[in-house]
């Protein structure tokens, strides 16, 4: 049964504060591309595809038309949810011993929904199954721009990715690191065994904003390895916003996840939901950094 019960953990005689957990990175896209206010549902965002150009006009000369051109991208809504069950006894133990289990479940729900923005936006994944969702038609990882790390030269791969973005007419504003890429840069050595970069340089690479999370590679979720350890791009080409945010709350009745009636099974559930609106202006505004496959 997919519900937490008291036999899954030890109720201590004396309680140490807090629950230890493995660090989970959240969304790099939220850091590198600020959200825009959105209404619920599918919407279109106007994009300037051809900017007007100024004309030098001679004295008494005629003026030419200098029209701009506009296009649009579609922003689609994607609903994500987290539902976690536990027994009534877990709730009682949490209340009596101040274990913090329910609060931790609520915190983890928020982390999972934050990670989902990257997993959908980069990789088009359903985070629960780790497979590409048919409802997501475009992801940043679809970009044809790809730079491969060769012989441990992480900096060269980032610079190559920058060049690809620039050659497509965009200005790189940020780097999204998988921890593998971040660590690789920090430990990259000169011939004298001296480190090539310090942490300040890595965390503002070539003047670009940076953010680090294992959502970049999706290695915790992806059913098939992506081999991606970084993205470079003009991150305002990724447009997103929160259309609806249903805060974590307790469900005490019904069958919220198909595992049976909560009251009959002496259980409760914690649920949180969010609706993201996501659209990508142009995947050519990004380049991915990949590891060499053997």
C-alpha atoms as a PDB file:
ATOM      1  CA  UNK A   1       0.000   0.000   0.000  1.00  0.00           C
ATOM      2  CA  UNK A   2       1.442   3.359  -0.998  1.00  0.00           C
ATOM      3  CA  UNK A   3       0.862   5.104   2.320  1.00  0.00           C
ATOM      4  CA  UNK A   4       3.270   6.003   5.109  1.00  0.00           C
ATOM      5  CA  UNK A   5       2.697   4.023   8.313  1.00  0.00           C
ATOM      6  CA  UNK A   6       4.399   4.194  11.707  1.00  0.00           C
ATOM      7  CA  UNK A   7       6.290   0.942  11.157  1.00  0.00           C
ATOM      8  CA  UNK A   8       8.209   2.719   8.377  1.00  0.00           C
ATOM      9  CA  UNK A   9      10.120   4.749  10.964  1.00  0.00           C
ATOM     10  CA  UNK A  10      11.117   4.678  14.624  1.00  0.00           C
ATOM     11  CA  UNK A  11       9.216   6.731  17.158  1.00  0.00           C
ATOM     12  CA  UNK A  12      12.071   7.922  19.392  1.00  0.00           C
ATOM     13  CA  UNK A  13      12.085   8.241  23.154  1.00  0.00           C
ATOM     14  CA  UNK A  14      13.856  11.551  22.759  1.00  0.00           C
ATOM     15  CA  UNK A  15      13.377  13.558  19.605  1.00  0.00           C
ATOM     16  CA  UNK A  16      16.218  15.329  17.802  1.00  0.00           C
ATOM     17  CA  UNK A  17      14.907  18.370  15.970  1.00  0.00           C
ATOM     18  CA  UNK A  18      14.456  18.141  12.228  1.00  0.00           C
ATOM     19  CA  UNK A  19      14.434  15.447   9.596  1.00  0.00           C
ATOM     20  CA  UNK A  20      17.582  14.767   7.617  1.00  0.00           C
ATOM     21  CA  UNK A  21      17.026  14.523   3.901  1.00  0.00           C
ATOM     22  CA  UNK A  22      19.082  14.425   0.754  1.00  0.00           C
ATOM     23  CA  UNK A  23      19.417  17.839  -0.842  1.00  0.00           C
ATOM     24  CA  UNK A  24      17.074  18.375  -3.766  1.00  0.00           C
ATOM     25  CA  UNK A  25      17.661  21.162  -6.245  1.00  0.00           C
ATOM     26  CA  UNK A  26      14.657  23.183  -7.279  1.00  0.00           C
ATOM     27  CA  UNK A  27      14.016  25.128 -10.480  1.00  0.00           C
ATOM     28  CA  UNK A  28      16.835  26.836 -12.404  1.00  0.00           C
ATOM     29  CA  UNK A  29      14.315  28.228 -14.876  1.00  0.00           C
ATOM     30  CA  UNK A  30      12.557  30.092 -12.077  1.00  0.00           C
ATOM     31  CA  UNK A  31      15.901  31.694 -11.178  1.00  0.00           C
ATOM     32  CA  UNK A  32      17.101  32.522 -14.677  1.00  0.00           C
ATOM     33  CA  UNK A  33      13.810  33.590 -16.285  1.00  0.00           C
ATOM     34  CA  UNK A  34      11.405  35.553 -14.131  1.00  0.00           C
ATOM     35  CA  UNK A  35       7.759  34.585 -14.303  1.00  0.00           C
ATOM     36  CA  UNK A  36       5.134  36.721 -16.005  1.00  0.00           C
ATOM     37  CA  UNK A  37       1.569  37.194 -14.717  1.00  0.00           C
ATOM     38  CA  UNK A  38      -0.890  34.919 -16.516  1.00  0.00           C
ATOM     39  CA  UNK A  39      -4.573  34.131 -16.601  1.00  0.00           C
ATOM     40  CA  UNK A  40      -5.750  30.538 -16.614  1.00  0.00           C
ATOM     41  CA  UNK A  41      -5.794  28.741 -19.948  1.00  0.00           C
ATOM     42  CA  UNK A  42      -4.007  28.846 -23.274  1.00  0.00           C
ATOM     43  CA  UNK A  43      -2.775  32.261 -24.344  1.00  0.00           C
ATOM     44  CA  UNK A  44      -0.652  33.878 -27.034  1.00  0.00           C
ATOM     45  CA  UNK A  45       2.322  36.148 -26.479  1.00  0.00           C
ATOM     46  CA  UNK A  46       3.241  38.662 -29.155  1.00  0.00           C
ATOM     47  CA  UNK A  47       6.863  38.448 -30.275  1.00  0.00           C
ATOM     48  CA  UNK A  48       8.831  40.951 -32.323  1.00  0.00           C
ATOM     49  CA  UNK A  49      10.320  38.887 -35.151  1.00  0.00           C
ATOM     50  CA  UNK A  50      11.749  41.766 -37.204  1.00  0.00           C
ATOM     51  CA  UNK A  51      12.719  45.007 -35.510  1.00  0.00           C
ATOM     52  CA  UNK A  52      12.294  48.300 -37.403  1.00  0.00           C
ATOM     53  CA  UNK A  53      15.486  49.851 -38.730  1.00  0.00           C
ATOM     54  CA  UNK A  54      16.269  53.539 -38.759  1.00  0.00           C
ATOM     55  CA  UNK A  55      16.941  55.178 -42.123  1.00  0.00           C
ATOM     56  CA  UNK A  56      19.436  57.901 -42.829  1.00  0.00           C
ATOM     57  CA  UNK A  57      17.552  60.557 -44.791  1.00  0.00           C
ATOM     58  CA  UNK A  58      19.232  63.224 -46.894  1.00  0.00           C
ATOM     59  CA  UNK A  59      18.042  66.796 -46.766  1.00  0.00           C
ATOM     60  CA  UNK A  60      14.716  66.949 -48.641  1.00  0.00           C
ATOM     61  CA  UNK A  61      15.036  63.221 -49.268  1.00  0.00           C
ATOM     62  CA  UNK A  62      12.075  60.863 -49.299  1.00  0.00           C
ATOM     63  CA  UNK A  63      11.437  58.552 -46.363  1.00  0.00           C
ATOM     64  CA  UNK A  64      11.101  54.793 -46.827  1.00  0.00           C
ATOM     65  CA  UNK A  65       8.832  52.462 -44.860  1.00  0.00           C
ATOM     66  CA  UNK A  66      10.559  50.787 -41.923  1.00  0.00           C
ATOM     67  CA  UNK A  67       7.930  48.306 -40.703  1.00  0.00           C
ATOM     68  CA  UNK A  68       8.409  45.817 -37.865  1.00  0.00           C
ATOM     69  CA  UNK A  69       7.076  42.255 -38.041  1.00  0.00           C
ATOM     70  CA  UNK A  70       5.334  40.379 -35.265  1.00  0.00           C
ATOM     71  CA  UNK A  71       4.584  36.770 -34.542  1.00  0.00           C
ATOM     72  CA  UNK A  72       3.230  34.954 -31.505  1.00  0.00           C
ATOM     73  CA  UNK A  73       3.932  31.944 -29.362  1.00  0.00           C
ATOM     74  CA  UNK A  74       1.403  29.816 -27.543  1.00  0.00           C
ATOM     75  CA  UNK A  75       1.591  29.506 -23.777  1.00  0.00           C
ATOM     76  CA  UNK A  76      -0.053  26.273 -22.669  1.00  0.00           C
ATOM     77  CA  UNK A  77      -1.278  25.389 -19.168  1.00  0.00           C
ATOM     78  CA  UNK A  78       0.193  22.329 -17.454  1.00  0.00           C
ATOM     79  CA  UNK A  79      -1.324  21.088 -14.209  1.00  0.00           C
ATOM     80  CA  UNK A  80       0.872  19.219 -11.742  1.00  0.00           C
ATOM     81  CA  UNK A  81      -0.031  17.664  -8.426  1.00  0.00           C
ATOM     82  CA  UNK A  82       1.520  15.853  -5.477  1.00  0.00           C
ATOM     83  CA  UNK A  83      -0.570  13.520  -3.296  1.00  0.00           C
ATOM     84  CA  UNK A  84       0.961  11.679  -0.313  1.00  0.00           C
ATOM     85  CA  UNK A  85      -0.876   9.375   2.088  1.00  0.00           C
ATOM     86  CA  UNK A  86      -0.120   8.502   5.667  1.00  0.00           C
ATOM     87  CA  UNK A  87      -1.991   6.617   8.371  1.00  0.00           C
ATOM     88  CA  UNK A  88      -3.861   8.312  11.198  1.00  0.00           C
ATOM     89  CA  UNK A  89      -1.259   6.852  13.527  1.00  0.00           C
ATOM     90  CA  UNK A  90       1.465   8.817  11.724  1.00  0.00           C
ATOM     91  CA  UNK A  91      -0.581  11.966  12.283  1.00  0.00           C
ATOM     92  CA  UNK A  92      -0.960  11.170  15.986  1.00  0.00           C
ATOM     93  CA  UNK A  93       2.736  10.376  16.411  1.00  0.00           C
ATOM     94  CA  UNK A  94       3.602  13.595  14.603  1.00  0.00           C
ATOM     95  CA  UNK A  95       1.379  15.592  16.951  1.00  0.00           C
ATOM     96  CA  UNK A  96       2.518  13.859  20.146  1.00  0.00           C
ATOM     97  CA  UNK A  97       6.253  13.745  19.485  1.00  0.00           C
ATOM     98  CA  UNK A  98       6.596  16.839  17.273  1.00  0.00           C
ATOM     99  CA  UNK A  99       8.413  14.802  14.642  1.00  0.00           C
ATOM    100  CA  UNK A 100       7.701  17.320  11.891  1.00  0.00           C
ATOM    101  CA  UNK A 101       6.667  14.615   9.418  1.00  0.00           C
ATOM    102  CA  UNK A 102       3.574  16.363   8.078  1.00  0.00           C
ATOM    103  CA  UNK A 103       5.414  19.666   7.700  1.00  0.00           C
ATOM    104  CA  UNK A 104       8.213  17.843   5.897  1.00  0.00           C
ATOM    105  CA  UNK A 105       5.686  16.241   3.535  1.00  0.00           C
ATOM    106  CA  UNK A 106       4.281  19.709   2.794  1.00  0.00           C
ATOM    107  CA  UNK A 107       7.778  21.104   2.184  1.00  0.00           C
ATOM    108  CA  UNK A 108       8.622  18.233  -0.144  1.00  0.00           C
ATOM    109  CA  UNK A 109       5.407  18.801  -2.092  1.00  0.00           C
ATOM    110  CA  UNK A 110       6.562  22.360  -2.780  1.00  0.00           C
ATOM    111  CA  UNK A 111      10.011  21.160  -3.838  1.00  0.00           C
ATOM    112  CA  UNK A 112       8.495  18.582  -6.184  1.00  0.00           C
ATOM    113  CA  UNK A 113       6.271  21.186  -7.854  1.00  0.00           C
ATOM    114  CA  UNK A 114       9.227  23.551  -8.200  1.00  0.00           C
ATOM    115  CA  UNK A 115      11.369  20.841  -9.787  1.00  0.00           C
ATOM    116  CA  UNK A 116       8.522  20.080 -12.173  1.00  0.00           C
ATOM    117  CA  UNK A 117       8.914  23.460 -13.903  1.00  0.00           C
ATOM    118  CA  UNK A 118      12.403  22.431 -15.060  1.00  0.00           C
ATOM    119  CA  UNK A 119      11.462  18.852 -15.858  1.00  0.00           C
ATOM    120  CA  UNK A 120       8.624  19.993 -18.104  1.00  0.00           C
ATOM    121  CA  UNK A 121      10.349  23.097 -19.464  1.00  0.00           C
ATOM    122  CA  UNK A 122      13.676  21.469 -20.298  1.00  0.00           C
ATOM    123  CA  UNK A 123      12.830  17.834 -20.926  1.00  0.00           C
ATOM    124  CA  UNK A 124       9.026  17.604 -21.483  1.00  0.00           C
ATOM    125  CA  UNK A 125       8.903  14.944 -18.757  1.00  0.00           C
ATOM    126  CA  UNK A 126       6.081  13.724 -16.603  1.00  0.00           C
ATOM    127  CA  UNK A 127       8.086  13.812 -13.343  1.00  0.00           C
ATOM    128  CA  UNK A 128       6.293  10.800 -11.851  1.00  0.00           C
ATOM    129  CA  UNK A 129       6.966   8.423 -14.745  1.00  0.00           C
ATOM    130  CA  UNK A 130      10.216   9.949 -16.027  1.00  0.00           C
ATOM    131  CA  UNK A 131       8.996   9.699 -19.612  1.00  0.00           C
ATOM    132  CA  UNK A 132       8.187  12.366 -22.185  1.00  0.00           C
ATOM    133  CA  UNK A 133       4.585  13.548 -21.876  1.00  0.00           C
ATOM    134  CA  UNK A 134       2.620  13.654 -25.118  1.00  0.00           C
ATOM    135  CA  UNK A 135       0.881  16.840 -23.940  1.00  0.00           C
ATOM    136  CA  UNK A 136       4.186  18.770 -23.910  1.00  0.00           C
ATOM    137  CA  UNK A 137       5.164  19.559 -27.473  1.00  0.00           C
ATOM    138  CA  UNK A 138       8.229  21.746 -26.946  1.00  0.00           C
ATOM    139  CA  UNK A 139      11.145  21.718 -24.517  1.00  0.00           C
ATOM    140  CA  UNK A 140      14.425  23.581 -24.306  1.00  0.00           C
ATOM    141  CA  UNK A 141      16.310  20.298 -24.732  1.00  0.00           C
ATOM    142  CA  UNK A 142      14.826  20.105 -28.247  1.00  0.00           C
ATOM    143  CA  UNK A 143      17.328  22.744 -29.360  1.00  0.00           C
ATOM    144  CA  UNK A 144      19.599  21.691 -32.196  1.00  0.00           C
ATOM    145  CA  UNK A 145      22.442  23.644 -30.570  1.00  0.00           C
ATOM    146  CA  UNK A 146      24.664  21.201 -28.692  1.00  0.00           C
ATOM    147  CA  UNK A 147      28.181  21.446 -27.265  1.00  0.00           C
ATOM    148  CA  UNK A 148      30.021  18.373 -25.985  1.00  0.00           C
ATOM    149  CA  UNK A 149      32.455  18.341 -23.058  1.00  0.00           C
ATOM    150  CA  UNK A 150      35.730  16.907 -24.364  1.00  0.00           C
ATOM    151  CA  UNK A 151      38.697  15.848 -22.214  1.00  0.00           C
ATOM    152  CA  UNK A 152      37.312  17.563 -19.127  1.00  0.00           C
ATOM    153  CA  UNK A 153      37.284  21.006 -20.775  1.00  0.00           C
ATOM    154  CA  UNK A 154      34.048  22.209 -19.207  1.00  0.00           C
ATOM    155  CA  UNK A 155      34.795  25.883 -19.844  1.00  0.00           C
ATOM    156  CA  UNK A 156      35.356  25.261 -23.555  1.00  0.00           C
ATOM    157  CA  UNK A 157      31.989  23.503 -23.816  1.00  0.00           C
ATOM    158  CA  UNK A 158      30.207  26.457 -22.205  1.00  0.00           C
ATOM    159  CA  UNK A 159      31.982  28.891 -24.512  1.00  0.00           C
ATOM    160  CA  UNK A 160      31.058  26.767 -27.534  1.00  0.00           C
ATOM    161  CA  UNK A 161      27.424  26.772 -26.369  1.00  0.00           C
ATOM    162  CA  UNK A 162      27.546  30.577 -26.031  1.00  0.00           C
ATOM    163  CA  UNK A 163      28.837  30.818 -29.590  1.00  0.00           C
ATOM    164  CA  UNK A 164      25.985  28.701 -30.924  1.00  0.00           C
ATOM    165  CA  UNK A 165      23.395  30.901 -29.227  1.00  0.00           C
ATOM    166  CA  UNK A 166      25.072  34.061 -30.504  1.00  0.00           C
ATOM    167  CA  UNK A 167      25.284  32.712 -34.061  1.00  0.00           C
ATOM    168  CA  UNK A 168      21.505  32.241 -33.989  1.00  0.00           C
ATOM    169  CA  UNK A 169      21.036  35.920 -33.187  1.00  0.00           C
ATOM    170  CA  UNK A 170      20.495  35.717 -29.426  1.00  0.00           C
ATOM    171  CA  UNK A 171      22.422  37.054 -26.432  1.00  0.00           C
ATOM    172  CA  UNK A 172      23.306  34.495 -23.729  1.00  0.00           C
ATOM    173  CA  UNK A 173      22.098  35.702 -20.334  1.00  0.00           C
ATOM    174  CA  UNK A 174      22.412  32.618 -18.170  1.00  0.00           C
ATOM    175  CA  UNK A 175      23.882  29.187 -17.542  1.00  0.00           C
ATOM    176  CA  UNK A 176      21.935  26.372 -15.902  1.00  0.00           C
ATOM    177  CA  UNK A 177      24.336  23.905 -14.279  1.00  0.00           C
ATOM    178  CA  UNK A 178      23.810  20.314 -13.358  1.00  0.00           C
ATOM    179  CA  UNK A 179      25.983  19.734 -10.247  1.00  0.00           C
ATOM    180  CA  UNK A 180      28.300  17.671 -12.489  1.00  0.00           C
ATOM    181  CA  UNK A 181      29.069  20.730 -14.629  1.00  0.00           C
ATOM    182  CA  UNK A 182      29.385  23.056 -11.633  1.00  0.00           C
ATOM    183  CA  UNK A 183      31.808  20.661  -9.915  1.00  0.00           C
ATOM    184  CA  UNK A 184      33.689  20.068 -13.152  1.00  0.00           C
ATOM    185  CA  UNK A 185      34.376  23.792 -13.544  1.00  0.00           C
ATOM    186  CA  UNK A 186      35.421  24.203  -9.919  1.00  0.00           C
ATOM    187  CA  UNK A 187      37.893  21.321 -10.111  1.00  0.00           C
ATOM    188  CA  UNK A 188      39.231  22.066 -13.582  1.00  0.00           C
ATOM    189  CA  UNK A 189      42.981  22.529 -13.263  1.00  0.00           C
ATOM    190  CA  UNK A 190      45.722  24.488 -14.934  1.00  0.00           C
ATOM    191  CA  UNK A 191      48.852  22.576 -15.915  1.00  0.00           C
ATOM    192  CA  UNK A 192      50.309  23.532 -12.508  1.00  0.00           C
ATOM    193  CA  UNK A 193      47.456  21.739 -10.710  1.00  0.00           C
ATOM    194  CA  UNK A 194      46.134  25.144  -9.692  1.00  0.00           C
ATOM    195  CA  UNK A 195      42.389  25.522 -10.099  1.00  0.00           C
ATOM    196  CA  UNK A 196      41.392  27.324 -13.253  1.00  0.00           C
ATOM    197  CA  UNK A 197      38.352  29.033 -11.687  1.00  0.00           C
ATOM    198  CA  UNK A 198      37.259  30.099  -8.231  1.00  0.00           C
ATOM    199  CA  UNK A 199      33.673  29.826  -7.069  1.00  0.00           C
ATOM    200  CA  UNK A 200      32.912  33.507  -7.750  1.00  0.00           C
ATOM    201  CA  UNK A 201      33.952  33.048 -11.380  1.00  0.00           C
ATOM    202  CA  UNK A 202      31.933  29.862 -11.764  1.00  0.00           C
ATOM    203  CA  UNK A 203      28.833  31.453 -10.219  1.00  0.00           C
ATOM    204  CA  UNK A 204      28.971  34.347 -12.706  1.00  0.00           C
ATOM    205  CA  UNK A 205      30.459  32.654 -15.744  1.00  0.00           C
ATOM    206  CA  UNK A 206      31.367  35.161 -18.479  1.00  0.00           C
ATOM    207  CA  UNK A 207      29.115  37.650 -16.711  1.00  0.00           C
ATOM    208  CA  UNK A 208      26.038  35.449 -17.104  1.00  0.00           C
ATOM    209  CA  UNK A 209      23.643  34.563 -14.292  1.00  0.00           C
ATOM    210  CA  UNK A 210      23.927  30.967 -13.126  1.00  0.00           C
ATOM    211  CA  UNK A 211      21.771  28.470 -11.269  1.00  0.00           C
ATOM    212  CA  UNK A 212      22.473  24.875 -10.262  1.00  0.00           C
ATOM    213  CA  UNK A 213      20.103  21.925  -9.933  1.00  0.00           C
ATOM    214  CA  UNK A 214      20.066  18.269 -10.941  1.00  0.00           C
ATOM    215  CA  UNK A 215      16.827  19.023 -12.775  1.00  0.00           C
ATOM    216  CA  UNK A 216      19.111  20.182 -15.612  1.00  0.00           C
ATOM    217  CA  UNK A 217      20.079  16.553 -16.259  1.00  0.00           C
ATOM    218  CA  UNK A 218      16.825  15.168 -14.784  1.00  0.00           C
ATOM    219  CA  UNK A 219      18.933  12.307 -13.453  1.00  0.00           C
ATOM    220  CA  UNK A 220      16.609  11.695 -10.503  1.00  0.00           C
ATOM    221  CA  UNK A 221      13.524  11.457 -12.689  1.00  0.00           C
ATOM    222  CA  UNK A 222      14.370  10.633 -16.316  1.00  0.00           C
ATOM    223  CA  UNK A 223      13.766   6.996 -17.208  1.00  0.00           C
ATOM    224  CA  UNK A 224      16.479   7.298 -19.870  1.00  0.00           C
ATOM    225  CA  UNK A 225      19.674   9.265 -19.246  1.00  0.00           C
ATOM    226  CA  UNK A 226      19.647  12.636 -20.998  1.00  0.00           C
ATOM    227  CA  UNK A 227      23.461  13.117 -20.962  1.00  0.00           C
ATOM    228  CA  UNK A 228      22.735  16.845 -20.551  1.00  0.00           C
ATOM    229  CA  UNK A 229      24.717  18.672 -17.858  1.00  0.00           C
ATOM    230  CA  UNK A 230      23.996  22.291 -18.743  1.00  0.00           C
ATOM    231  CA  UNK A 231      22.079  24.860 -20.741  1.00  0.00           C
ATOM    232  CA  UNK A 232      23.233  28.245 -21.981  1.00  0.00           C
ATOM    233  CA  UNK A 233      20.745  30.690 -23.400  1.00  0.00           C
ATOM    234  CA  UNK A 234      18.827  33.911 -23.538  1.00  0.00           C
ATOM    235  CA  UNK A 235      16.498  32.794 -20.790  1.00  0.00           C
ATOM    236  CA  UNK A 236      13.751  35.345 -21.332  1.00  0.00           C
ATOM    237  CA  UNK A 237      12.910  33.241 -24.410  1.00  0.00           C
ATOM    238  CA  UNK A 238      11.373  30.810 -21.895  1.00  0.00           C
ATOM    239  CA  UNK A 239       8.067  32.319 -20.816  1.00  0.00           C
ATOM    240  CA  UNK A 240       6.310  30.939 -17.768  1.00  0.00           C
ATOM    241  CA  UNK A 241       3.947  31.912 -15.012  1.00  0.00           C
ATOM    242  CA  UNK A 242       1.793  30.413 -12.281  1.00  0.00           C
ATOM    243  CA  UNK A 243      -1.814  30.366 -13.430  1.00  0.00           C
ATOM    244  CA  UNK A 244      -3.194  28.638 -10.335  1.00  0.00           C
ATOM    245  CA  UNK A 245      -1.521  27.670  -7.070  1.00  0.00           C
ATOM    246  CA  UNK A 246      -3.456  25.342  -4.755  1.00  0.00           C
ATOM    247  CA  UNK A 247      -1.469  25.270  -1.524  1.00  0.00           C
ATOM    248  CA  UNK A 248      -0.747  22.016   0.270  1.00  0.00           C
ATOM    249  CA  UNK A 249      -3.751  20.911   2.277  1.00  0.00           C
ATOM    250  CA  UNK A 250      -5.006  17.879   4.148  1.00  0.00           C
ATOM    251  CA  UNK A 251      -7.558  15.554   2.560  1.00  0.00           C
ATOM    252  CA  UNK A 252      -9.486  13.448   5.093  1.00  0.00           C
ATOM    253  CA  UNK A 253     -12.318  11.996   3.006  1.00  0.00           C
ATOM    254  CA  UNK A 254     -12.806  10.178  -0.262  1.00  0.00           C
ATOM    255  CA  UNK A 255     -10.354   8.399  -2.530  1.00  0.00           C
ATOM    256  CA  UNK A 256      -8.022  11.130  -3.844  1.00  0.00           C
ATOM    257  CA  UNK A 257      -5.518   8.876  -5.625  1.00  0.00           C
ATOM    258  CA  UNK A 258      -7.245   5.596  -6.419  1.00  0.00           C
ATOM    259  CA  UNK A 259      -5.812   3.693  -3.448  1.00  0.00           C
ATOM    260  CA  UNK A 260      -9.075   3.347  -1.551  1.00  0.00           C
ATOM    261  CA  UNK A 261     -11.324   5.353   0.789  1.00  0.00           C
ATOM    262  CA  UNK A 262      -9.307   7.296   3.345  1.00  0.00           C
ATOM    263  CA  UNK A 263     -11.768   6.870   6.234  1.00  0.00           C
ATOM    264  CA  UNK A 264     -12.116   3.149   5.625  1.00  0.00           C
ATOM    265  CA  UNK A 265      -8.342   2.748   5.650  1.00  0.00           C
ATOM    266  CA  UNK A 266      -7.727   5.114   8.596  1.00  0.00           C
ATOM    267  CA  UNK A 267      -5.576   7.397   6.496  1.00  0.00           C
ATOM    268  CA  UNK A 268      -5.192  11.029   5.510  1.00  0.00           C
ATOM    269  CA  UNK A 269      -3.564  12.571   2.454  1.00  0.00           C
ATOM    270  CA  UNK A 270      -1.535  15.709   1.800  1.00  0.00           C
ATOM    271  CA  UNK A 271      -2.127  17.272  -1.613  1.00  0.00           C
ATOM    272  CA  UNK A 272      -0.713  20.299  -3.427  1.00  0.00           C
ATOM    273  CA  UNK A 273      -1.365  21.430  -6.994  1.00  0.00           C
ATOM    274  CA  UNK A 274      -0.104  24.061  -9.383  1.00  0.00           C
ATOM    275  CA  UNK A 275      -0.865  25.134 -12.945  1.00  0.00           C
ATOM    276  CA  UNK A 276       2.083  26.511 -14.893  1.00  0.00           C
ATOM    277  CA  UNK A 277       1.696  28.374 -18.161  1.00  0.00           C
ATOM    278  CA  UNK A 278       4.748  27.562 -20.316  1.00  0.00           C
ATOM    279  CA  UNK A 279       5.860  28.749 -23.747  1.00  0.00           C
ATOM    280  CA  UNK A 280       9.211  28.866 -25.572  1.00  0.00           C
ATOM    281  CA  UNK A 281       9.822  31.697 -28.025  1.00  0.00           C
ATOM    282  CA  UNK A 282      12.571  29.837 -29.916  1.00  0.00           C
ATOM    283  CA  UNK A 283      14.626  26.801 -28.898  1.00  0.00           C
ATOM    284  CA  UNK A 284      17.502  28.297 -30.919  1.00  0.00           C
ATOM    285  CA  UNK A 285      17.857  30.826 -28.102  1.00  0.00           C
ATOM    286  CA  UNK A 286      19.410  27.965 -26.113  1.00  0.00           C
ATOM    287  CA  UNK A 287      22.240  25.478 -26.413  1.00  0.00           C
ATOM    288  CA  UNK A 288      22.653  22.314 -24.369  1.00  0.00           C
ATOM    289  CA  UNK A 289      25.919  21.025 -22.962  1.00  0.00           C
ATOM    290  CA  UNK A 290      26.254  17.257 -23.108  1.00  0.00           C
ATOM    291  CA  UNK A 291      28.711  14.636 -21.987  1.00  0.00           C
ATOM    292  CA  UNK A 292      30.378  12.449 -24.569  1.00  0.00           C
ATOM    293  CA  UNK A 293      28.668   9.056 -24.870  1.00  0.00           C
ATOM    294  CA  UNK A 294      30.809   5.958 -25.046  1.00  0.00           C
END
